[in-house]
Amino acid sequence: MAKAGRKQFLDEYKRREVLAILSVGGARRAAARYVGCTVNTIRSTADRDPEFAKKLRRAERGLEIDYLNNIRKAARNEKYWRAAAWALERIDPQRYARRSPDAITVEEIKDLLVQLADIISEEVPEEYREKILKRLRAISDRLKEG
């Protein structure tokens, strides 16, 4: 809690206002402006008051969970197939999200590296070949990690 003799800026009323704004999707910055404080004041109040910190987390995540539940419910109905498509795009964008026509996938880059390694093996003199192929393998390994 606040130090003795020092007035606590976020009183109960302002805390409820902050929580109400966050629970409808507002940002902490908007809530801070509304009650006349800074985002740091909200953060430091939460640091001093674990119960307020818990309520902040719930307010910020509750709406997200509601939205996810609504998307999931809509996706169960064939009529709202776009909800399922939207969710898949966000769950695994590499497989389901739209790509621009000139975008290249990790798999395509890996294929390109294999083709390049074949060309190097056939065309580059042996004294340079192993060093170049080693560098290509390092690039390929980094792609596998990412």
N, C-alpha and C. Protein backbone atom coordinates (compact mmCIF):
# COMPACT_ATOMS: atom_id res chain seq x y z
N MET A 1 0.84 -1.19 0.00
CA MET A 1 0.00 0.00 0.00
C MET A 1 0.87 1.24 0.00
N ALA A 2 0.26 2.41 -0.03
CA ALA A 2 1.00 3.66 -0.08
C ALA A 2 1.70 3.93 1.25
N LYS A 3 2.76 4.72 1.18
CA LYS A 3 3.49 5.10 2.39
C LYS A 3 2.60 5.95 3.28
N ALA A 4 2.84 5.87 4.59
CA ALA A 4 2.05 6.65 5.54
C ALA A 4 2.22 8.13 5.26
N GLY A 5 1.12 8.88 5.31
CA GLY A 5 1.18 10.31 5.09
C GLY A 5 1.15 10.71 3.62
N ARG A 6 1.32 9.77 2.74
CA ARG A 6 1.32 10.08 1.31
C ARG A 6 -0.02 9.66 0.71
N LYS A 7 -0.67 10.57 0.01
CA LYS A 7 -1.98 10.27 -0.56
C LYS A 7 -1.82 9.33 -1.75
N GLN A 8 -2.61 8.27 -1.76
CA GLN A 8 -2.59 7.31 -2.84
C GLN A 8 -3.36 7.91 -4.02
N PHE A 9 -2.71 8.02 -5.18
CA PHE A 9 -3.35 8.69 -6.31
C PHE A 9 -4.50 7.89 -6.88
N LEU A 10 -4.31 6.59 -7.07
CA LEU A 10 -5.39 5.79 -7.63
C LEU A 10 -6.27 5.27 -6.51
N ASP A 11 -7.26 6.06 -6.15
CA ASP A 11 -8.19 5.61 -5.12
C ASP A 11 -9.09 4.52 -5.70
N GLU A 12 -9.95 3.97 -4.89
CA GLU A 12 -10.82 2.87 -5.30
C GLU A 12 -11.66 3.23 -6.51
N TYR A 13 -12.19 4.44 -6.55
CA TYR A 13 -13.02 4.87 -7.67
C TYR A 13 -12.21 4.87 -8.97
N LYS A 14 -11.02 5.45 -8.94
CA LYS A 14 -10.18 5.51 -10.15
C LYS A 14 -9.72 4.11 -10.57
N ARG A 15 -9.47 3.26 -9.62
CA ARG A 15 -9.10 1.87 -9.96
C ARG A 15 -10.23 1.18 -10.69
N ARG A 16 -11.46 1.36 -10.20
CA ARG A 16 -12.62 0.76 -10.87
C ARG A 16 -12.78 1.32 -12.29
N GLU A 17 -12.54 2.61 -12.45
CA GLU A 17 -12.62 3.23 -13.78
C GLU A 17 -11.58 2.61 -14.73
N VAL A 18 -10.36 2.46 -14.23
CA VAL A 18 -9.28 1.85 -15.04
C VAL A 18 -9.70 0.44 -15.45
N LEU A 19 -10.17 -0.34 -14.49
CA LEU A 19 -10.58 -1.72 -14.78
C LEU A 19 -11.74 -1.77 -15.77
N ALA A 20 -12.69 -0.85 -15.65
CA ALA A 20 -13.82 -0.82 -16.58
C ALA A 20 -13.36 -0.53 -18.00
N ILE A 21 -12.43 0.40 -18.16
CA ILE A 21 -11.92 0.74 -19.49
C ILE A 21 -11.17 -0.44 -20.10
N LEU A 22 -10.34 -1.08 -19.29
CA LEU A 22 -9.59 -2.23 -19.78
C LEU A 22 -10.51 -3.40 -20.14
N SER A 23 -11.57 -3.58 -19.39
CA SER A 23 -12.46 -4.73 -19.61
C SER A 23 -13.26 -4.62 -20.90
N VAL A 24 -13.37 -3.41 -21.48
CA VAL A 24 -14.06 -3.27 -22.76
C VAL A 24 -13.08 -3.13 -23.92
N GLY A 25 -11.81 -3.36 -23.64
CA GLY A 25 -10.81 -3.36 -24.71
C GLY A 25 -9.95 -2.13 -24.79
N GLY A 26 -10.13 -1.20 -23.87
CA GLY A 26 -9.29 -0.01 -23.86
C GLY A 26 -7.87 -0.33 -23.43
N ALA A 27 -6.95 0.51 -23.80
CA ALA A 27 -5.54 0.32 -23.44
C ALA A 27 -5.25 1.01 -22.11
N ARG A 28 -4.17 0.60 -21.49
CA ARG A 28 -3.78 1.24 -20.23
C ARG A 28 -3.55 2.73 -20.42
N ARG A 29 -3.00 3.11 -21.55
CA ARG A 29 -2.74 4.53 -21.81
C ARG A 29 -4.04 5.33 -21.82
N ALA A 30 -5.07 4.76 -22.46
CA ALA A 30 -6.37 5.45 -22.50
C ALA A 30 -6.97 5.52 -21.10
N ALA A 31 -6.85 4.44 -20.34
CA ALA A 31 -7.37 4.43 -18.97
C ALA A 31 -6.64 5.46 -18.11
N ALA A 32 -5.34 5.54 -18.27
CA ALA A 32 -4.55 6.50 -17.49
C ALA A 32 -4.98 7.93 -17.81
N ARG A 33 -5.13 8.23 -19.10
CA ARG A 33 -5.57 9.58 -19.48
C ARG A 33 -6.94 9.89 -18.90
N TYR A 34 -7.82 8.90 -18.94
CA TYR A 34 -9.19 9.11 -18.47
C TYR A 34 -9.23 9.47 -16.98
N VAL A 35 -8.42 8.79 -16.19
CA VAL A 35 -8.45 9.06 -14.74
C VAL A 35 -7.44 10.13 -14.32
N GLY A 36 -6.65 10.62 -15.29
CA GLY A 36 -5.72 11.71 -15.01
C GLY A 36 -4.41 11.28 -14.37
N CYS A 37 -3.86 10.17 -14.82
CA CYS A 37 -2.57 9.73 -14.30
C CYS A 37 -1.72 9.23 -15.46
N THR A 38 -0.61 8.59 -15.15
CA THR A 38 0.24 8.01 -16.18
C THR A 38 0.12 6.49 -16.13
N VAL A 39 0.58 5.85 -17.19
CA VAL A 39 0.62 4.38 -17.22
C VAL A 39 1.51 3.87 -16.09
N ASN A 40 2.59 4.60 -15.80
CA ASN A 40 3.48 4.21 -14.70
C ASN A 40 2.76 4.21 -13.36
N THR A 41 1.82 5.13 -13.18
CA THR A 41 1.06 5.16 -11.92
C THR A 41 0.22 3.89 -11.79
N ILE A 42 -0.40 3.47 -12.89
CA ILE A 42 -1.18 2.24 -12.87
C ILE A 42 -0.26 1.06 -12.56
N ARG A 43 0.89 1.03 -13.22
CA ARG A 43 1.84 -0.06 -13.02
C ARG A 43 2.35 -0.10 -11.58
N SER A 44 2.72 1.05 -11.05
CA SER A 44 3.26 1.07 -9.68
C SER A 44 2.18 0.74 -8.65
N THR A 45 0.94 1.15 -8.92
CA THR A 45 -0.15 0.78 -8.03
C THR A 45 -0.33 -0.74 -8.03
N ALA A 46 -0.26 -1.34 -9.22
CA ALA A 46 -0.38 -2.80 -9.32
C ALA A 46 0.80 -3.49 -8.64
N ASP A 47 1.99 -2.90 -8.73
CA ASP A 47 3.16 -3.48 -8.06
C ASP A 47 2.99 -3.49 -6.54
N ARG A 48 2.34 -2.46 -6.03
CA ARG A 48 2.14 -2.35 -4.57
C ARG A 48 0.92 -3.13 -4.09
N ASP A 49 -0.01 -3.39 -4.99
CA ASP A 49 -1.27 -4.02 -4.59
C ASP A 49 -1.55 -5.26 -5.45
N PRO A 50 -1.19 -6.44 -4.96
CA PRO A 50 -1.36 -7.67 -5.75
C PRO A 50 -2.81 -7.93 -6.18
N GLU A 51 -3.76 -7.54 -5.37
CA GLU A 51 -5.17 -7.74 -5.72
C GLU A 51 -5.54 -6.89 -6.94
N PHE A 52 -5.08 -5.64 -6.96
CA PHE A 52 -5.32 -4.77 -8.11
C PHE A 52 -4.61 -5.33 -9.34
N ALA A 53 -3.39 -5.84 -9.16
CA ALA A 53 -2.64 -6.43 -10.27
C ALA A 53 -3.41 -7.61 -10.87
N LYS A 54 -3.99 -8.42 -10.01
CA LYS A 54 -4.78 -9.57 -10.46
C LYS A 54 -6.01 -9.10 -11.25
N LYS A 55 -6.68 -8.07 -10.75
CA LYS A 55 -7.85 -7.54 -11.45
C LYS A 55 -7.47 -6.92 -12.79
N LEU A 56 -6.30 -6.28 -12.86
CA LEU A 56 -5.82 -5.72 -14.13
C LEU A 56 -5.63 -6.83 -15.16
N ARG A 57 -4.95 -7.91 -14.76
CA ARG A 57 -4.73 -9.03 -15.68
C ARG A 57 -6.05 -9.61 -16.17
N ARG A 58 -6.97 -9.79 -15.26
CA ARG A 58 -8.28 -10.35 -15.65
C ARG A 58 -9.02 -9.42 -16.60
N ALA A 59 -8.98 -8.13 -16.32
CA ALA A 59 -9.67 -7.17 -17.19
C ALA A 59 -9.06 -7.17 -18.59
N GLU A 60 -7.74 -7.24 -18.65
CA GLU A 60 -7.07 -7.20 -19.96
C GLU A 60 -7.23 -8.51 -20.73
N ARG A 61 -7.27 -9.63 -20.05
CA ARG A 61 -7.36 -10.92 -20.73
C ARG A 61 -8.79 -11.42 -20.91
N GLY A 62 -9.70 -10.93 -20.09
CA GLY A 62 -11.07 -11.41 -20.15
C GLY A 62 -11.72 -11.17 -21.50
N LEU A 63 -11.53 -10.00 -22.04
CA LEU A 63 -12.11 -9.65 -23.33
C LEU A 63 -11.51 -10.52 -24.43
N GLU A 64 -10.21 -10.74 -24.36
CA GLU A 64 -9.55 -11.60 -25.33
C GLU A 64 -10.16 -13.00 -25.32
N ILE A 65 -10.39 -13.54 -24.15
CA ILE A 65 -10.98 -14.87 -24.02
C ILE A 65 -12.41 -14.88 -24.57
N ASP A 66 -13.17 -13.82 -24.28
CA ASP A 66 -14.53 -13.72 -24.84
C ASP A 66 -14.50 -13.74 -26.36
N TYR A 67 -13.59 -12.96 -26.95
CA TYR A 67 -13.49 -12.92 -28.41
C TYR A 67 -13.11 -14.29 -28.97
N LEU A 68 -12.16 -14.94 -28.34
CA LEU A 68 -11.75 -16.26 -28.82
C LEU A 68 -12.91 -17.26 -28.73
N ASN A 69 -13.66 -17.20 -27.66
CA ASN A 69 -14.83 -18.09 -27.53
C ASN A 69 -15.86 -17.80 -28.60
N ASN A 70 -16.09 -16.53 -28.89
CA ASN A 70 -17.06 -16.17 -29.94
C ASN A 70 -16.60 -16.67 -31.31
N ILE A 71 -15.31 -16.53 -31.59
CA ILE A 71 -14.77 -17.02 -32.86
C ILE A 71 -14.94 -18.53 -32.95
N ARG A 72 -14.62 -19.22 -31.88
CA ARG A 72 -14.74 -20.68 -31.85
C ARG A 72 -16.19 -21.10 -32.06
N LYS A 73 -17.13 -20.44 -31.40
CA LYS A 73 -18.55 -20.77 -31.56
C LYS A 73 -19.01 -20.52 -32.99
N ALA A 74 -18.59 -19.39 -33.55
CA ALA A 74 -18.98 -19.07 -34.92
C ALA A 74 -18.39 -20.08 -35.90
N ALA A 75 -17.16 -20.50 -35.65
CA ALA A 75 -16.49 -21.42 -36.57
C ALA A 75 -17.18 -22.79 -36.62
N ARG A 76 -17.94 -23.14 -35.60
CA ARG A 76 -18.66 -24.41 -35.58
C ARG A 76 -19.82 -24.42 -36.57
N ASN A 77 -20.29 -23.26 -36.95
CA ASN A 77 -21.41 -23.14 -37.88
C ASN A 77 -20.84 -22.92 -39.28
N GLU A 78 -21.21 -23.81 -40.22
CA GLU A 78 -20.70 -23.71 -41.59
C GLU A 78 -20.94 -22.34 -42.20
N LYS A 79 -22.04 -21.73 -41.82
CA LYS A 79 -22.40 -20.41 -42.35
C LYS A 79 -21.30 -19.38 -42.05
N TYR A 80 -20.60 -19.57 -40.95
CA TYR A 80 -19.56 -18.62 -40.53
C TYR A 80 -18.17 -19.23 -40.66
N TRP A 81 -17.90 -19.89 -41.78
CA TRP A 81 -16.62 -20.55 -42.01
C TRP A 81 -15.45 -19.58 -41.95
N ARG A 82 -15.71 -18.30 -42.22
CA ARG A 82 -14.62 -17.31 -42.19
C ARG A 82 -14.00 -17.19 -40.80
N ALA A 83 -14.79 -17.43 -39.77
CA ALA A 83 -14.26 -17.38 -38.40
C ALA A 83 -13.20 -18.47 -38.22
N ALA A 84 -13.48 -19.66 -38.77
CA ALA A 84 -12.51 -20.75 -38.68
C ALA A 84 -11.26 -20.41 -39.50
N ALA A 85 -11.46 -19.85 -40.69
CA ALA A 85 -10.32 -19.47 -41.53
C ALA A 85 -9.46 -18.41 -40.83
N TRP A 86 -10.12 -17.45 -40.24
CA TRP A 86 -9.40 -16.39 -39.52
C TRP A 86 -8.56 -16.98 -38.39
N ALA A 87 -9.16 -17.89 -37.62
CA ALA A 87 -8.44 -18.51 -36.51
C ALA A 87 -7.24 -19.32 -37.02
N LEU A 88 -7.43 -20.09 -38.07
CA LEU A 88 -6.31 -20.86 -38.64
C LEU A 88 -5.19 -19.96 -39.12
N GLU A 89 -5.54 -18.83 -39.74
CA GLU A 89 -4.51 -17.90 -40.22
C GLU A 89 -3.63 -17.41 -39.07
N ARG A 90 -4.23 -17.25 -37.90
CA ARG A 90 -3.47 -16.74 -36.76
C ARG A 90 -2.76 -17.84 -35.98
N ILE A 91 -3.34 -19.03 -35.99
CA ILE A 91 -2.71 -20.16 -35.29
C ILE A 91 -1.46 -20.61 -36.03
N ASP A 92 -1.55 -20.72 -37.35
CA ASP A 92 -0.42 -21.20 -38.15
C ASP A 92 -0.34 -20.39 -39.44
N PRO A 93 0.16 -19.16 -39.34
CA PRO A 93 0.19 -18.30 -40.53
C PRO A 93 1.05 -18.85 -41.67
N GLN A 94 2.07 -19.62 -41.33
CA GLN A 94 2.94 -20.19 -42.36
C GLN A 94 2.14 -21.07 -43.32
N ARG A 95 1.16 -21.78 -42.78
CA ARG A 95 0.36 -22.68 -43.61
C ARG A 95 -0.91 -22.05 -44.15
N TYR A 96 -1.56 -21.16 -43.38
CA TYR A 96 -2.91 -20.74 -43.73
C TYR A 96 -3.08 -19.28 -44.11
N ALA A 97 -2.16 -18.43 -43.73
CA ALA A 97 -2.34 -17.00 -44.02
C ALA A 97 -2.09 -16.72 -45.50
N ARG A 98 -2.76 -15.70 -45.97
CA ARG A 98 -2.53 -15.27 -47.35
C ARG A 98 -1.12 -14.71 -47.48
N ARG A 99 -0.52 -15.00 -48.61
CA ARG A 99 0.81 -14.46 -48.88
C ARG A 99 0.75 -13.64 -50.15
N SER A 100 1.61 -12.66 -50.20
CA SER A 100 1.68 -11.89 -51.44
C SER A 100 2.30 -12.79 -52.51
N PRO A 101 1.99 -12.54 -53.76
CA PRO A 101 2.48 -13.40 -54.84
C PRO A 101 4.01 -13.51 -54.90
N ASP A 102 4.70 -12.49 -54.43
CA ASP A 102 6.16 -12.53 -54.51
C ASP A 102 6.82 -13.01 -53.21
N ALA A 103 6.02 -13.48 -52.27
CA ALA A 103 6.57 -13.99 -51.00
C ALA A 103 7.18 -15.37 -51.23
N ILE A 104 8.21 -15.66 -50.47
CA ILE A 104 8.87 -16.95 -50.57
C ILE A 104 8.82 -17.63 -49.20
N THR A 105 8.51 -18.91 -49.20
CA THR A 105 8.39 -19.65 -47.94
C THR A 105 9.74 -20.20 -47.51
N VAL A 106 9.82 -20.63 -46.27
CA VAL A 106 11.05 -21.25 -45.77
C VAL A 106 11.35 -22.52 -46.56
N GLU A 107 10.32 -23.29 -46.88
CA GLU A 107 10.53 -24.51 -47.67
C GLU A 107 11.12 -24.19 -49.04
N GLU A 108 10.65 -23.12 -49.65
CA GLU A 108 11.18 -22.73 -50.96
C GLU A 108 12.64 -22.29 -50.84
N ILE A 109 12.97 -21.63 -49.77
CA ILE A 109 14.37 -21.22 -49.54
C ILE A 109 15.23 -22.46 -49.35
N LYS A 110 14.74 -23.43 -48.58
CA LYS A 110 15.51 -24.66 -48.39
C LYS A 110 15.75 -25.37 -49.71
N ASP A 111 14.71 -25.47 -50.55
CA ASP A 111 14.86 -26.08 -51.87
C ASP A 111 15.89 -25.33 -52.70
N LEU A 112 15.85 -24.03 -52.63
CA LEU A 112 16.82 -23.21 -53.36
C LEU A 112 18.24 -23.48 -52.89
N LEU A 113 18.42 -23.62 -51.57
CA LEU A 113 19.75 -23.92 -51.03
C LEU A 113 20.26 -25.28 -51.52
N VAL A 114 19.37 -26.26 -51.60
CA VAL A 114 19.77 -27.58 -52.09
C VAL A 114 20.21 -27.48 -53.55
N GLN A 115 19.45 -26.75 -54.35
CA GLN A 115 19.81 -26.58 -55.76
C GLN A 115 21.14 -25.84 -55.90
N LEU A 116 21.33 -24.83 -55.07
CA LEU A 116 22.57 -24.07 -55.10
C LEU A 116 23.75 -24.95 -54.69
N ALA A 117 23.56 -25.79 -53.68
CA ALA A 117 24.62 -26.72 -53.25
C ALA A 117 24.98 -27.68 -54.38
N ASP A 118 23.97 -28.15 -55.12
CA ASP A 118 24.24 -29.04 -56.27
C ASP A 118 25.08 -28.33 -57.33
N ILE A 119 24.72 -27.10 -57.62
CA ILE A 119 25.47 -26.32 -58.62
C ILE A 119 26.91 -26.13 -58.15
N ILE A 120 27.08 -25.77 -56.89
CA ILE A 120 28.42 -25.56 -56.34
C ILE A 120 29.24 -26.84 -56.41
N SER A 121 28.60 -27.97 -56.07
CA SER A 121 29.30 -29.26 -56.11
C SER A 121 29.78 -29.59 -57.51
N GLU A 122 29.00 -29.18 -58.52
CA GLU A 122 29.35 -29.50 -59.90
C GLU A 122 30.31 -28.48 -60.53
N GLU A 123 30.21 -27.22 -60.15
CA GLU A 123 30.90 -26.16 -60.87
C GLU A 123 32.11 -25.55 -60.17
N VAL A 124 32.14 -25.59 -58.84
CA VAL A 124 33.20 -24.90 -58.09
C VAL A 124 34.35 -25.88 -57.86
N PRO A 125 35.59 -25.41 -58.07
CA PRO A 125 36.75 -26.27 -57.83
C PRO A 125 36.75 -26.80 -56.39
N GLU A 126 37.23 -28.01 -56.23
CA GLU A 126 37.19 -28.71 -54.95
C GLU A 126 37.82 -27.93 -53.81
N GLU A 127 38.87 -27.19 -54.09
CA GLU A 127 39.57 -26.44 -53.03
C GLU A 127 38.70 -25.38 -52.37
N TYR A 128 37.67 -24.88 -53.06
CA TYR A 128 36.76 -23.87 -52.49
C TYR A 128 35.40 -24.45 -52.09
N ARG A 129 35.08 -25.56 -52.69
CA ARG A 129 33.74 -26.14 -52.57
C ARG A 129 33.32 -26.41 -51.12
N GLU A 130 34.15 -27.11 -50.33
CA GLU A 130 33.75 -27.51 -48.98
C GLU A 130 33.48 -26.30 -48.09
N LYS A 131 34.25 -25.25 -48.21
CA LYS A 131 34.04 -24.05 -47.40
C LYS A 131 32.68 -23.40 -47.73
N ILE A 132 32.36 -23.34 -49.00
CA ILE A 132 31.10 -22.74 -49.43
C ILE A 132 29.92 -23.60 -48.96
N LEU A 133 30.04 -24.92 -49.14
CA LEU A 133 28.95 -25.82 -48.73
C LEU A 133 28.74 -25.79 -47.22
N LYS A 134 29.83 -25.64 -46.47
CA LYS A 134 29.72 -25.54 -45.01
C LYS A 134 28.90 -24.31 -44.63
N ARG A 135 29.12 -23.20 -45.32
CA ARG A 135 28.37 -21.98 -45.04
C ARG A 135 26.89 -22.14 -45.42
N LEU A 136 26.63 -22.83 -46.52
CA LEU A 136 25.24 -23.08 -46.92
C LEU A 136 24.53 -23.98 -45.90
N ARG A 137 25.24 -24.98 -45.36
CA ARG A 137 24.66 -25.86 -44.33
C ARG A 137 24.31 -25.04 -43.09
N ALA A 138 25.16 -24.10 -42.73
CA ALA A 138 24.89 -23.23 -41.56
C ALA A 138 23.62 -22.43 -41.78
N ILE A 139 23.44 -21.90 -42.97
CA ILE A 139 22.22 -21.15 -43.30
C ILE A 139 21.01 -22.08 -43.20
N SER A 140 21.13 -23.27 -43.74
CA SER A 140 20.04 -24.24 -43.71
C SER A 140 19.69 -24.62 -42.26
N ASP A 141 20.69 -24.80 -41.43
CA ASP A 141 20.45 -25.14 -40.02
C ASP A 141 19.72 -24.02 -39.31
N ARG A 142 20.07 -22.77 -39.59
CA ARG A 142 19.39 -21.63 -38.98
C ARG A 142 17.92 -21.58 -39.40
N LEU A 143 17.66 -21.92 -40.64
CA LEU A 143 16.27 -21.96 -41.11
C LEU A 143 15.47 -23.03 -40.39
N LYS A 144 16.09 -24.16 -40.11
CA LYS A 144 15.39 -25.23 -39.40
C LYS A 144 15.05 -24.83 -37.98
N GLU A 145 15.92 -24.04 -37.34
CA GLU A 145 15.69 -23.58 -35.98
C GLU A 145 14.53 -22.59 -35.91
N GLY A 146 14.47 -21.71 -36.91
CA GLY A 146 13.47 -20.64 -36.90
C GLY A 146 12.16 -21.10 -37.34
